[in-house]
Amino acid sequence: MIAIIRLVVFGFIALSVVYILVSIYSRSVRREKLEKAWDTDPEREGAATADRDAYIAEGMAEYQHGLRRRLIWLVYIIPAVVVMTTVYLVNYQ
């Protein structure tokens, strides 16, 4: 019983680190994409820095409510399902 508790605790810690890293990476990729979209739009040449910052902030707010951010939660779900399935199959089959 202690072994399964240890597995859950250390597994949760490891998955939390992976989740944080994937989340940071995904946010940075989205921010970079917004910055490039602003920089390559010829209509926005000479626009104020405040406008650029507002555009990026609006894009990041949309990202917060988007599907990609929710899919990152699969970092917790998929390994947990795989481990539970493996434990079940090994012990009860």
PDB file of N, CA and C in Angstrom:
ATOM      1  N   MET A   1       0.811  -1.187   0.000  1.00  0.00           N
ATOM      2  CA  MET A   1       0.000   0.000   0.000  1.00  0.00           C
ATOM      3  C   MET A   1       0.860   1.260   0.000  1.00  0.00           C
ATOM      4  N   ILE A   2       1.963   1.219   0.724  1.00  0.00           N
ATOM      5  CA  ILE A   2       2.873   2.362   0.763  1.00  0.00           C
ATOM      6  C   ILE A   2       3.454   2.621  -0.628  1.00  0.00           C
ATOM      7  N   ALA A   3       3.717   1.561  -1.364  1.00  0.00           N
ATOM      8  CA  ALA A   3       4.299   1.721  -2.699  1.00  0.00           C
ATOM      9  C   ALA A   3       3.350   2.463  -3.632  1.00  0.00           C
ATOM     10  N   ILE A   4       2.062   2.168  -3.571  1.00  0.00           N
ATOM     11  CA  ILE A   4       1.110   2.839  -4.448  1.00  0.00           C
ATOM     12  C   ILE A   4       0.958   4.310  -4.056  1.00  0.00           C
ATOM     13  N   ILE A   5       1.013   4.601  -2.753  1.00  0.00           N
ATOM     14  CA  ILE A   5       0.945   5.996  -2.301  1.00  0.00           C
ATOM     15  C   ILE A   5       2.176   6.754  -2.776  1.00  0.00           C
ATOM     16  N   ARG A   6       3.335   6.119  -2.665  1.00  0.00           N
ATOM     17  CA  ARG A   6       4.576   6.734  -3.140  1.00  0.00           C
ATOM     18  C   ARG A   6       4.509   6.981  -4.648  1.00  0.00           C
ATOM     19  N   LEU A   7       3.981   6.011  -5.400  1.00  0.00           N
ATOM     20  CA  LEU A   7       3.824   6.168  -6.843  1.00  0.00           C
ATOM     21  C   LEU A   7       2.906   7.345  -7.171  1.00  0.00           C
ATOM     22  N   VAL A   8       1.816   7.461  -6.468  1.00  0.00           N
ATOM     23  CA  VAL A   8       0.872   8.551  -6.712  1.00  0.00           C
ATOM     24  C   VAL A   8       1.500   9.903  -6.391  1.00  0.00           C
ATOM     25  N   VAL A   9       2.170  10.003  -5.271  1.00  0.00           N
ATOM     26  CA  VAL A   9       2.767  11.281  -4.869  1.00  0.00           C
ATOM     27  C   VAL A   9       3.867  11.705  -5.836  1.00  0.00           C
ATOM     28  N   PHE A  10       4.818  10.814  -6.089  1.00  0.00           N
ATOM     29  CA  PHE A  10       5.915  11.173  -6.993  1.00  0.00           C
ATOM     30  C   PHE A  10       5.428  11.322  -8.432  1.00  0.00           C
ATOM     31  N   GLY A  11       4.450  10.541  -8.817  1.00  0.00           N
ATOM     32  CA  GLY A  11       3.864  10.689 -10.151  1.00  0.00           C
ATOM     33  C   GLY A  11       3.193  12.034 -10.309  1.00  0.00           C
ATOM     34  N   PHE A  12       2.452  12.452  -9.293  1.00  0.00           N
ATOM     35  CA  PHE A  12       1.800  13.758  -9.337  1.00  0.00           C
ATOM     36  C   PHE A  12       2.817  14.884  -9.407  1.00  0.00           C
ATOM     37  N   ILE A  13       3.888  14.777  -8.661  1.00  0.00           N
ATOM     38  CA  ILE A  13       4.941  15.802  -8.691  1.00  0.00           C
ATOM     39  C   ILE A  13       5.584  15.850 -10.075  1.00  0.00           C
ATOM     40  N   ALA A  14       5.907  14.695 -10.633  1.00  0.00           N
ATOM     41  CA  ALA A  14       6.526  14.652 -11.960  1.00  0.00           C
ATOM     42  C   ALA A  14       5.577  15.202 -13.027  1.00  0.00           C
ATOM     43  N   LEU A  15       4.312  14.809 -12.964  1.00  0.00           N
ATOM     44  CA  LEU A  15       3.349  15.300 -13.948  1.00  0.00           C
ATOM     45  C   LEU A  15       3.100  16.796 -13.786  1.00  0.00           C
ATOM     46  N   SER A  16       3.188  17.294 -12.571  1.00  0.00           N
ATOM     47  CA  SER A  16       3.029  18.734 -12.347  1.00  0.00           C
ATOM     48  C   SER A  16       4.175  19.512 -12.984  1.00  0.00           C
ATOM     49  N   VAL A  17       5.387  18.990 -12.856  1.00  0.00           N
ATOM     50  CA  VAL A  17       6.539  19.639 -13.491  1.00  0.00           C
ATOM     51  C   VAL A  17       6.370  19.628 -15.007  1.00  0.00           C
ATOM     52  N   VAL A  18       5.960  18.492 -15.563  1.00  0.00           N
ATOM     53  CA  VAL A  18       5.740  18.399 -17.007  1.00  0.00           C
ATOM     54  C   VAL A  18       4.639  19.358 -17.440  1.00  0.00           C
ATOM     55  N   TYR A  19       3.546  19.432 -16.678  1.00  0.00           N
ATOM     56  CA  TYR A  19       2.440  20.325 -17.001  1.00  0.00           C
ATOM     57  C   TYR A  19       2.900  21.783 -17.027  1.00  0.00           C
ATOM     58  N   ILE A  20       3.660  22.176 -16.021  1.00  0.00           N
ATOM     59  CA  ILE A  20       4.137  23.555 -15.956  1.00  0.00           C
ATOM     60  C   ILE A  20       5.039  23.872 -17.139  1.00  0.00           C
ATOM     61  N   LEU A  21       5.945  22.960 -17.466  1.00  0.00           N
ATOM     62  CA  LEU A  21       6.851  23.191 -18.588  1.00  0.00           C
ATOM     63  C   LEU A  21       6.104  23.266 -19.921  1.00  0.00           C
ATOM     64  N   VAL A  22       5.160  22.367 -20.131  1.00  0.00           N
ATOM     65  CA  VAL A  22       4.380  22.381 -21.374  1.00  0.00           C
ATOM     66  C   VAL A  22       3.527  23.643 -21.442  1.00  0.00           C
ATOM     67  N   SER A  23       2.959  24.049 -20.332  1.00  0.00           N
ATOM     68  CA  SER A  23       2.134  25.253 -20.297  1.00  0.00           C
ATOM     69  C   SER A  23       2.961  26.501 -20.621  1.00  0.00           C
ATOM     70  N   ILE A  24       4.125  26.609 -20.030  1.00  0.00           N
ATOM     71  CA  ILE A  24       5.008  27.753 -20.308  1.00  0.00           C
ATOM     72  C   ILE A  24       5.425  27.751 -21.767  1.00  0.00           C
ATOM     73  N   TYR A  25       5.778  26.588 -22.291  1.00  0.00           N
ATOM     74  CA  TYR A  25       6.190  26.497 -23.687  1.00  0.00           C
ATOM     75  C   TYR A  25       5.040  26.892 -24.619  1.00  0.00           C
ATOM     76  N   SER A  26       3.844  26.398 -24.345  1.00  0.00           N
ATOM     77  CA  SER A  26       2.704  26.693 -25.196  1.00  0.00           C
ATOM     78  C   SER A  26       2.372  28.185 -25.179  1.00  0.00           C
ATOM     79  N   ARG A  27       2.432  28.798 -23.997  1.00  0.00           N
ATOM     80  CA  ARG A  27       2.171  30.239 -23.903  1.00  0.00           C
ATOM     81  C   ARG A  27       3.225  31.036 -24.670  1.00  0.00           C
ATOM     82  N   SER A  28       4.478  30.621 -24.585  1.00  0.00           N
ATOM     83  CA  SER A  28       5.523  31.363 -25.282  1.00  0.00           C
ATOM     84  C   SER A  28       5.390  31.227 -26.796  1.00  0.00           C
ATOM     85  N   VAL A  29       4.986  30.046 -27.262  1.00  0.00           N
ATOM     86  CA  VAL A  29       4.779  29.856 -28.695  1.00  0.00           C
ATOM     87  C   VAL A  29       3.625  30.723 -29.178  1.00  0.00           C
ATOM     88  N   ARG A  30       2.540  30.768 -28.404  1.00  0.00           N
ATOM     89  CA  ARG A  30       1.380  31.593 -28.789  1.00  0.00           C
ATOM     90  C   ARG A  30       1.749  33.065 -28.790  1.00  0.00           C
ATOM     91  N   ARG A  31       2.495  33.509 -27.787  1.00  0.00           N
ATOM     92  CA  ARG A  31       2.897  34.917 -27.725  1.00  0.00           C
ATOM     93  C   ARG A  31       3.799  35.269 -28.901  1.00  0.00           C
ATOM     94  N   GLU A  32       4.726  34.385 -29.224  1.00  0.00           N
ATOM     95  CA  GLU A  32       5.617  34.627 -30.353  1.00  0.00           C
ATOM     96  C   GLU A  32       4.834  34.706 -31.660  1.00  0.00           C
ATOM     97  N   LYS A  33       3.834  33.854 -31.798  1.00  0.00           N
ATOM     98  CA  LYS A  33       2.995  33.875 -32.999  1.00  0.00           C
ATOM     99  C   LYS A  33       2.244  35.204 -33.112  1.00  0.00           C
ATOM    100  N   LEU A  34       1.729  35.705 -31.999  1.00  0.00           N
ATOM    101  CA  LEU A  34       1.043  36.999 -32.009  1.00  0.00           C
ATOM    102  C   LEU A  34       2.009  38.138 -32.346  1.00  0.00           C
ATOM    103  N   GLU A  35       3.210  38.081 -31.796  1.00  0.00           N
ATOM    104  CA  GLU A  35       4.198  39.114 -32.096  1.00  0.00           C
ATOM    105  C   GLU A  35       4.571  39.114 -33.570  1.00  0.00           C
ATOM    106  N   LYS A  36       4.760  37.931 -34.139  1.00  0.00           N
ATOM    107  CA  LYS A  36       5.089  37.846 -35.566  1.00  0.00           C
ATOM    108  C   LYS A  36       3.929  38.319 -36.435  1.00  0.00           C
ATOM    109  N   ALA A  37       2.709  37.996 -36.029  1.00  0.00           N
ATOM    110  CA  ALA A  37       1.544  38.446 -36.795  1.00  0.00           C
ATOM    111  C   ALA A  37       1.466  39.967 -36.801  1.00  0.00           C
ATOM    112  N   TRP A  38       1.773  40.595 -35.683  1.00  0.00           N
ATOM    113  CA  TRP A  38       1.753  42.054 -35.604  1.00  0.00           C
ATOM    114  C   TRP A  38       2.876  42.651 -36.463  1.00  0.00           C
ATOM    115  N   ASP A  39       4.058  42.061 -36.355  1.00  0.00           N
ATOM    116  CA  ASP A  39       5.220  42.612 -37.059  1.00  0.00           C
ATOM    117  C   ASP A  39       5.119  42.454 -38.577  1.00  0.00           C
ATOM    118  N   THR A  40       4.455  41.415 -39.057  1.00  0.00           N
ATOM    119  CA  THR A  40       4.390  41.179 -40.498  1.00  0.00           C
ATOM    120  C   THR A  40       3.193  41.838 -41.174  1.00  0.00           C
ATOM    121  N   ASP A  41       2.283  42.411 -40.405  1.00  0.00           N
ATOM    122  CA  ASP A  41       1.112  43.068 -40.993  1.00  0.00           C
ATOM    123  C   ASP A  41       1.524  44.452 -41.489  1.00  0.00           C
ATOM    124  N   PRO A  42       1.451  44.689 -42.811  1.00  0.00           N
ATOM    125  CA  PRO A  42       1.895  45.986 -43.339  1.00  0.00           C
ATOM    126  C   PRO A  42       1.003  47.156 -42.914  1.00  0.00           C
ATOM    127  N   GLU A  43      -0.225  46.900 -42.535  1.00  0.00           N
ATOM    128  CA  GLU A  43      -1.116  47.979 -42.110  1.00  0.00           C
ATOM    129  C   GLU A  43      -0.726  48.545 -40.752  1.00  0.00           C
ATOM    130  N   ARG A  44       0.058  47.817 -39.992  1.00  0.00           N
ATOM    131  CA  ARG A  44       0.380  48.232 -38.629  1.00  0.00           C
ATOM    132  C   ARG A  44       1.762  48.862 -38.511  1.00  0.00           C
ATOM    133  N   GLU A  45       2.412  49.116 -39.617  1.00  0.00           N
ATOM    134  CA  GLU A  45       3.739  49.730 -39.554  1.00  0.00           C
ATOM    135  C   GLU A  45       3.620  51.137 -38.979  1.00  0.00           C
ATOM    136  N   GLY A  46       4.459  51.445 -38.047  1.00  0.00           N
ATOM    137  CA  GLY A  46       4.464  52.753 -37.418  1.00  0.00           C
ATOM    138  C   GLY A  46       3.446  52.900 -36.305  1.00  0.00           C
ATOM    139  N   ALA A  47       2.783  51.831 -35.934  1.00  0.00           N
ATOM    140  CA  ALA A  47       1.809  51.905 -34.845  1.00  0.00           C
ATOM    141  C   ALA A  47       2.532  52.001 -33.502  1.00  0.00           C
ATOM    142  N   ALA A  48       1.830  52.488 -32.520  1.00  0.00           N
ATOM    143  CA  ALA A  48       2.414  52.687 -31.194  1.00  0.00           C
ATOM    144  C   ALA A  48       2.681  51.344 -30.513  1.00  0.00           C
ATOM    145  N   THR A  49       3.647  51.374 -29.612  1.00  0.00           N
ATOM    146  CA  THR A  49       3.986  50.174 -28.851  1.00  0.00           C
ATOM    147  C   THR A  49       2.820  49.753 -27.954  1.00  0.00           C
ATOM    148  N   ALA A  50       2.057  50.711 -27.476  1.00  0.00           N
ATOM    149  CA  ALA A  50       0.901  50.401 -26.626  1.00  0.00           C
ATOM    150  C   ALA A  50      -0.139  49.603 -27.411  1.00  0.00           C
ATOM    151  N   ASP A  51      -0.298  49.934 -28.699  1.00  0.00           N
ATOM    152  CA  ASP A  51      -1.243  49.178 -29.533  1.00  0.00           C
ATOM    153  C   ASP A  51      -0.775  47.740 -29.695  1.00  0.00           C
ATOM    154  N   ARG A  52       0.522  47.568 -29.891  1.00  0.00           N
ATOM    155  CA  ARG A  52       1.083  46.221 -30.031  1.00  0.00           C
ATOM    156  C   ARG A  52       0.887  45.423 -28.745  1.00  0.00           C
ATOM    157  N   ASP A  53       1.166  46.060 -27.617  1.00  0.00           N
ATOM    158  CA  ASP A  53       0.989  45.384 -26.333  1.00  0.00           C
ATOM    159  C   ASP A  53      -0.471  45.013 -26.083  1.00  0.00           C
ATOM    160  N   ALA A  54      -1.389  45.900 -26.461  1.00  0.00           N
ATOM    161  CA  ALA A  54      -2.816  45.615 -26.294  1.00  0.00           C
ATOM    162  C   ALA A  54      -3.251  44.463 -27.190  1.00  0.00           C
ATOM    163  N   TYR A  55      -2.723  44.416 -28.410  1.00  0.00           N
ATOM    164  CA  TYR A  55      -3.032  43.327 -29.343  1.00  0.00           C
ATOM    165  C   TYR A  55      -2.556  41.987 -28.779  1.00  0.00           C
ATOM    166  N   ILE A  56      -1.354  41.971 -28.258  1.00  0.00           N
ATOM    167  CA  ILE A  56      -0.798  40.742 -27.694  1.00  0.00           C
ATOM    168  C   ILE A  56      -1.565  40.339 -26.433  1.00  0.00           C
ATOM    169  N   ALA A  57      -1.913  41.298 -25.595  1.00  0.00           N
ATOM    170  CA  ALA A  57      -2.679  40.991 -24.377  1.00  0.00           C
ATOM    171  C   ALA A  57      -4.049  40.427 -24.726  1.00  0.00           C
ATOM    172  N   GLU A  58      -4.687  40.976 -25.749  1.00  0.00           N
ATOM    173  CA  GLU A  58      -5.990  40.462 -26.182  1.00  0.00           C
ATOM    174  C   GLU A  58      -5.867  39.044 -26.726  1.00  0.00           C
ATOM    175  N   GLY A  59      -4.828  38.792 -27.498  1.00  0.00           N
ATOM    176  CA  GLY A  59      -4.594  37.446 -28.030  1.00  0.00           C
ATOM    177  C   GLY A  59      -4.307  36.437 -26.938  1.00  0.00           C
ATOM    178  N   MET A  60      -3.560  36.841 -25.926  1.00  0.00           N
ATOM    179  CA  MET A  60      -3.261  35.935 -24.820  1.00  0.00           C
ATOM    180  C   MET A  60      -4.506  35.679 -23.960  1.00  0.00           C
ATOM    181  N   ALA A  61      -5.393  36.682 -23.859  1.00  0.00           N
ATOM    182  CA  ALA A  61      -6.652  36.472 -23.131  1.00  0.00           C
ATOM    183  C   ALA A  61      -7.518  35.452 -23.862  1.00  0.00           C
ATOM    184  N   GLU A  62      -7.524  35.513 -25.193  1.00  0.00           N
ATOM    185  CA  GLU A  62      -8.255  34.521 -25.976  1.00  0.00           C
ATOM    186  C   GLU A  62      -7.635  33.133 -25.799  1.00  0.00           C
ATOM    187  N   TYR A  63      -6.315  33.082 -25.721  1.00  0.00           N
ATOM    188  CA  TYR A  63      -5.616  31.813 -25.510  1.00  0.00           C
ATOM    189  C   TYR A  63      -6.028  31.177 -24.185  1.00  0.00           C
ATOM    190  N   GLN A  64      -6.194  32.003 -23.148  1.00  0.00           N
ATOM    191  CA  GLN A  64      -6.564  31.494 -21.822  1.00  0.00           C
ATOM    192  C   GLN A  64      -7.873  30.708 -21.851  1.00  0.00           C
ATOM    193  N   HIS A  65      -8.761  31.042 -22.769  1.00  0.00           N
ATOM    194  CA  HIS A  65     -10.065  30.381 -22.844  1.00  0.00           C
ATOM    195  C   HIS A  65     -10.146  29.421 -24.025  1.00  0.00           C
ATOM    196  N   GLY A  66      -9.029  29.154 -24.662  1.00  0.00           N
ATOM    197  CA  GLY A  66      -9.027  28.328 -25.859  1.00  0.00           C
ATOM    198  C   GLY A  66      -8.879  26.838 -25.583  1.00  0.00           C
ATOM    199  N   LEU A  67      -9.017  26.076 -26.639  1.00  0.00           N
ATOM    200  CA  LEU A  67      -8.953  24.622 -26.558  1.00  0.00           C
ATOM    201  C   LEU A  67      -7.549  24.127 -26.250  1.00  0.00           C
ATOM    202  N   ARG A  68      -6.549  24.741 -26.823  1.00  0.00           N
ATOM    203  CA  ARG A  68      -5.172  24.278 -26.629  1.00  0.00           C
ATOM    204  C   ARG A  68      -4.789  24.277 -25.148  1.00  0.00           C
ATOM    205  N   ARG A  69      -5.181  25.306 -24.438  1.00  0.00           N
ATOM    206  CA  ARG A  69      -4.850  25.371 -23.006  1.00  0.00           C
ATOM    207  C   ARG A  69      -5.540  24.247 -22.243  1.00  0.00           C
ATOM    208  N   ARG A  70      -6.764  23.931 -22.628  1.00  0.00           N
ATOM    209  CA  ARG A  70      -7.483  22.845 -21.957  1.00  0.00           C
ATOM    210  C   ARG A  70      -6.887  21.483 -22.294  1.00  0.00           C
ATOM    211  N   LEU A  71      -6.360  21.337 -23.486  1.00  0.00           N
ATOM    212  CA  LEU A  71      -5.782  20.054 -23.876  1.00  0.00           C
ATOM    213  C   LEU A  71      -4.511  19.731 -23.101  1.00  0.00           C
ATOM    214  N   ILE A  72      -3.866  20.727 -22.567  1.00  0.00           N
ATOM    215  CA  ILE A  72      -2.650  20.490 -21.788  1.00  0.00           C
ATOM    216  C   ILE A  72      -2.969  19.670 -20.536  1.00  0.00           C
ATOM    217  N   TRP A  73      -4.224  19.702 -20.063  1.00  0.00           N
ATOM    218  CA  TRP A  73      -4.614  18.899 -18.907  1.00  0.00           C
ATOM    219  C   TRP A  73      -4.485  17.413 -19.191  1.00  0.00           C
ATOM    220  N   LEU A  74      -4.396  17.031 -20.446  1.00  0.00           N
ATOM    221  CA  LEU A  74      -4.207  15.620 -20.780  1.00  0.00           C
ATOM    222  C   LEU A  74      -2.877  15.087 -20.254  1.00  0.00           C
ATOM    223  N   VAL A  75      -1.965  15.988 -19.891  1.00  0.00           N
ATOM    224  CA  VAL A  75      -0.696  15.585 -19.286  1.00  0.00           C
ATOM    225  C   VAL A  75      -0.961  14.812 -17.992  1.00  0.00           C
ATOM    226  N   TYR A  76      -1.999  15.169 -17.273  1.00  0.00           N
ATOM    227  CA  TYR A  76      -2.378  14.452 -16.056  1.00  0.00           C
ATOM    228  C   TYR A  76      -3.232  13.230 -16.366  1.00  0.00           C
ATOM    229  N   ILE A  77      -4.153  13.366 -17.279  1.00  0.00           N
ATOM    230  CA  ILE A  77      -5.175  12.344 -17.498  1.00  0.00           C
ATOM    231  C   ILE A  77      -4.621  11.093 -18.171  1.00  0.00           C
ATOM    232  N   ILE A  78      -3.895  11.245 -19.256  1.00  0.00           N
ATOM    233  CA  ILE A  78      -3.425  10.084 -20.023  1.00  0.00           C
ATOM    234  C   ILE A  78      -2.500   9.182 -19.203  1.00  0.00           C
ATOM    235  N   PRO A  79      -1.452   9.697 -18.562  1.00  0.00           N
ATOM    236  CA  PRO A  79      -0.606   8.792 -17.758  1.00  0.00           C
ATOM    237  C   PRO A  79      -1.363   8.129 -16.610  1.00  0.00           C
ATOM    238  N   ALA A  80      -2.286   8.846 -15.986  1.00  0.00           N
ATOM    239  CA  ALA A  80      -3.056   8.245 -14.890  1.00  0.00           C
ATOM    240  C   ALA A  80      -3.912   7.088 -15.398  1.00  0.00           C
ATOM    241  N   VAL A  81      -4.539   7.264 -16.537  1.00  0.00           N
ATOM    242  CA  VAL A  81      -5.362   6.191 -17.118  1.00  0.00           C
ATOM    243  C   VAL A  81      -4.490   5.002 -17.503  1.00  0.00           C
ATOM    244  N   VAL A  82      -3.339   5.260 -18.077  1.00  0.00           N
ATOM    245  CA  VAL A  82      -2.438   4.168 -18.474  1.00  0.00           C
ATOM    246  C   VAL A  82      -1.962   3.383 -17.251  1.00  0.00           C
ATOM    247  N   VAL A  83      -1.579   4.079 -16.197  1.00  0.00           N
ATOM    248  CA  VAL A  83      -1.108   3.400 -14.988  1.00  0.00           C
ATOM    249  C   VAL A  83      -2.234   2.613 -14.342  1.00  0.00           C
ATOM    250  N   MET A  84      -3.426   3.204 -14.236  1.00  0.00           N
ATOM    251  CA  MET A  84      -4.549   2.479 -13.632  1.00  0.00           C
ATOM    252  C   MET A  84      -4.929   1.249 -14.459  1.00  0.00           C
ATOM    253  N   THR A  85      -4.894   1.372 -15.782  1.00  0.00           N
ATOM    254  CA  THR A  85      -5.202   0.231 -16.636  1.00  0.00           C
ATOM    255  C   THR A  85      -4.159  -0.863 -16.478  1.00  0.00           C
ATOM    256  N   THR A  86      -2.901  -0.482 -16.433  1.00  0.00           N
ATOM    257  CA  THR A  86      -1.828  -1.456 -16.256  1.00  0.00           C
ATOM    258  C   THR A  86      -1.941  -2.166 -14.910  1.00  0.00           C
ATOM    259  N   VAL A  87      -2.193  -1.414 -13.856  1.00  0.00           N
ATOM    260  CA  VAL A  87      -2.346  -2.019 -12.534  1.00  0.00           C
ATOM    261  C   VAL A  87      -3.528  -2.976 -12.526  1.00  0.00           C
ATOM    262  N   TYR A  88      -4.620  -2.596 -13.118  1.00  0.00           N
ATOM    263  CA  TYR A  88      -5.796  -3.455 -13.173  1.00  0.00           C
ATOM    264  C   TYR A  88      -5.505  -4.742 -13.936  1.00  0.00           C
ATOM    265  N   LEU A  89      -4.898  -4.605 -15.117  1.00  0.00           N
ATOM    266  CA  LEU A  89      -4.623  -5.780 -15.946  1.00  0.00           C
ATOM    267  C   LEU A  89      -3.624  -6.720 -15.304  1.00  0.00           C
ATOM    268  N   VAL A  90      -2.629  -6.182 -14.625  1.00  0.00           N
ATOM    269  CA  VAL A  90      -1.627  -7.034 -13.994  1.00  0.00           C
ATOM    270  C   VAL A  90      -2.206  -7.767 -12.781  1.00  0.00           C
ATOM    271  N   ASN A  91      -3.024  -7.088 -12.007  1.00  0.00           N
ATOM    272  CA  ASN A  91      -3.515  -7.664 -10.759  1.00  0.00           C
ATOM    273  C   ASN A  91      -4.779  -8.508 -10.906  1.00  0.00           C
ATOM    274  N   TYR A  92      -5.627  -8.221 -11.855  1.00  0.00           N
ATOM    275  CA  TYR A  92      -6.919  -8.867 -11.895  1.00  0.00           C
ATOM    276  C   TYR A  92      -7.154  -9.732 -13.131  1.00  0.00           C
ATOM    277  N   GLN A  93      -6.199  -9.863 -13.986  1.00  0.00           N
ATOM    278  CA  GLN A  93      -6.392 -10.691 -15.172  1.00  0.00           C
ATOM    279  C   GLN A  93      -5.523 -11.927 -15.119  1.00  0.00           C
TER     280      GLN A  93
END
